[in-house]
Amino acid sequence: TYESIADAYGLFVRELLKFNDLSESARLLPGTIVYLQAKKKHAAKGLEAHVLEKGETVRQIAQRYAVKVSHIYKMNGWAKDYVPKEGECIRLRK
């Protein structure tokens, strides 16, 4: 659980959830990427963009590239309620 991970690493649960762009304790599934510190404002060099595939979410992309969801929205000039469509190119670096 997120609670047991937070406890094992000396973190607060809300801190761990914030690092992983979660507003409430979600069910932790096997294979889920969990960050123990804050993610970056942009992806690593060489990872400038990602083309959204069927079924992907912005949060999944944020977890894959270690970028905060809020910064992906900001870099792409999207409103907070915008949902990108399959095939859309998502900027990950300025």
Protein backbone atom coordinates (compact mmCIF):
# COMPACT_ATOMS: atom_id res chain seq x y z
CA THR A 1 0.00 0.00 0.00
CA TYR A 2 1.03 3.61 -0.28
CA GLU A 3 0.81 3.74 3.51
CA SER A 4 3.34 0.92 3.97
CA ILE A 5 5.72 2.45 1.41
CA ALA A 6 5.53 5.84 3.13
CA ASP A 7 6.20 4.21 6.48
CA ALA A 8 9.15 2.20 5.14
CA TYR A 9 10.82 5.32 3.73
CA GLY A 10 9.99 7.75 6.52
CA LEU A 11 7.52 9.79 4.46
CA PHE A 12 4.05 11.09 5.16
CA VAL A 13 1.36 9.39 3.07
CA ARG A 14 0.14 12.74 1.72
CA GLU A 15 3.73 13.55 0.70
CA LEU A 16 4.05 10.26 -1.22
CA LEU A 17 0.67 10.82 -2.89
CA LYS A 18 1.70 14.32 -3.93
CA PHE A 19 4.95 13.00 -5.46
CA ASN A 20 2.82 10.62 -7.53
CA ASP A 21 0.08 13.08 -8.57
CA LEU A 22 -2.59 11.40 -6.47
CA SER A 23 -5.09 13.41 -4.46
CA GLU A 24 -6.30 10.49 -2.35
CA SER A 25 -5.07 7.04 -1.45
CA ALA A 26 -5.58 4.92 -4.54
CA ARG A 27 -5.21 1.18 -4.73
CA LEU A 28 -1.62 0.25 -5.46
CA LEU A 29 -1.41 -2.29 -8.29
CA PRO A 30 1.56 -4.58 -9.03
CA GLY A 31 4.05 -2.92 -11.37
CA THR A 32 2.96 0.62 -10.48
CA ILE A 33 5.77 3.18 -10.58
CA VAL A 34 6.01 4.96 -7.23
CA TYR A 35 8.23 8.02 -6.76
CA LEU A 36 9.77 8.67 -3.36
CA GLN A 37 10.67 12.27 -4.14
CA ALA A 38 9.20 15.07 -6.22
CA LYS A 39 9.18 14.60 -9.98
CA LYS A 40 10.83 17.10 -12.33
CA LYS A 41 9.41 20.01 -14.32
CA HIS A 42 10.42 18.41 -17.61
CA ALA A 43 11.63 15.10 -19.01
CA ALA A 44 15.27 14.17 -19.52
CA LYS A 45 17.13 15.40 -22.60
CA GLY A 46 16.22 13.41 -25.67
CA LEU A 47 12.65 12.89 -24.46
CA GLU A 48 11.06 16.04 -25.87
CA ALA A 49 7.64 14.61 -26.73
CA HIS A 50 5.35 11.61 -26.50
CA VAL A 51 2.54 10.61 -28.87
CA LEU A 52 -0.50 9.58 -26.85
CA GLU A 53 -1.49 5.99 -27.48
CA LYS A 54 -4.96 4.47 -27.06
CA GLY A 55 -5.90 4.13 -23.40
CA GLU A 56 -3.02 6.23 -22.02
CA THR A 57 -3.62 9.03 -19.54
CA VAL A 58 -1.58 12.13 -18.80
CA ARG A 59 -0.85 10.74 -15.34
CA GLN A 60 0.56 7.53 -16.82
CA ILE A 61 2.82 9.57 -19.10
CA ALA A 62 3.88 11.74 -16.15
CA GLN A 63 4.82 8.62 -14.18
CA ARG A 64 6.72 7.08 -17.11
CA TYR A 65 8.86 10.18 -17.72
CA ALA A 66 9.07 11.43 -14.08
CA VAL A 67 7.38 14.75 -14.89
CA LYS A 68 4.71 16.45 -12.80
CA VAL A 69 1.23 16.33 -14.36
CA SER A 70 0.77 20.06 -13.72
CA HIS A 71 3.92 20.84 -15.70
CA ILE A 72 2.81 18.72 -18.66
CA TYR A 73 -0.42 20.73 -18.77
CA LYS A 74 1.50 24.00 -18.46
CA MET A 75 4.07 23.12 -21.18
CA ASN A 76 1.29 22.20 -23.57
CA GLY A 77 -0.87 25.25 -22.79
CA TRP A 78 -3.85 23.13 -21.74
CA ALA A 79 -6.69 24.04 -19.40
CA LYS A 80 -6.89 21.89 -16.25
CA ASP A 81 -9.92 19.99 -17.57
CA TYR A 82 -8.43 19.26 -21.02
CA VAL A 83 -8.20 15.59 -22.01
CA PRO A 84 -5.73 14.93 -24.86
CA LYS A 85 -6.79 12.62 -27.66
CA GLU A 86 -5.16 9.49 -29.06
CA GLY A 87 -2.37 10.41 -31.50
CA GLU A 88 -1.83 13.85 -29.97
CA CYS A 89 1.81 14.86 -29.48
CA ILE A 90 2.52 15.85 -25.89
CA ARG A 91 5.49 18.09 -25.15
CA LEU A 92 7.66 16.90 -22.26
CA ARG A 93 10.44 19.53 -22.48
CA LYS A 94 10.51 23.20 -23.39
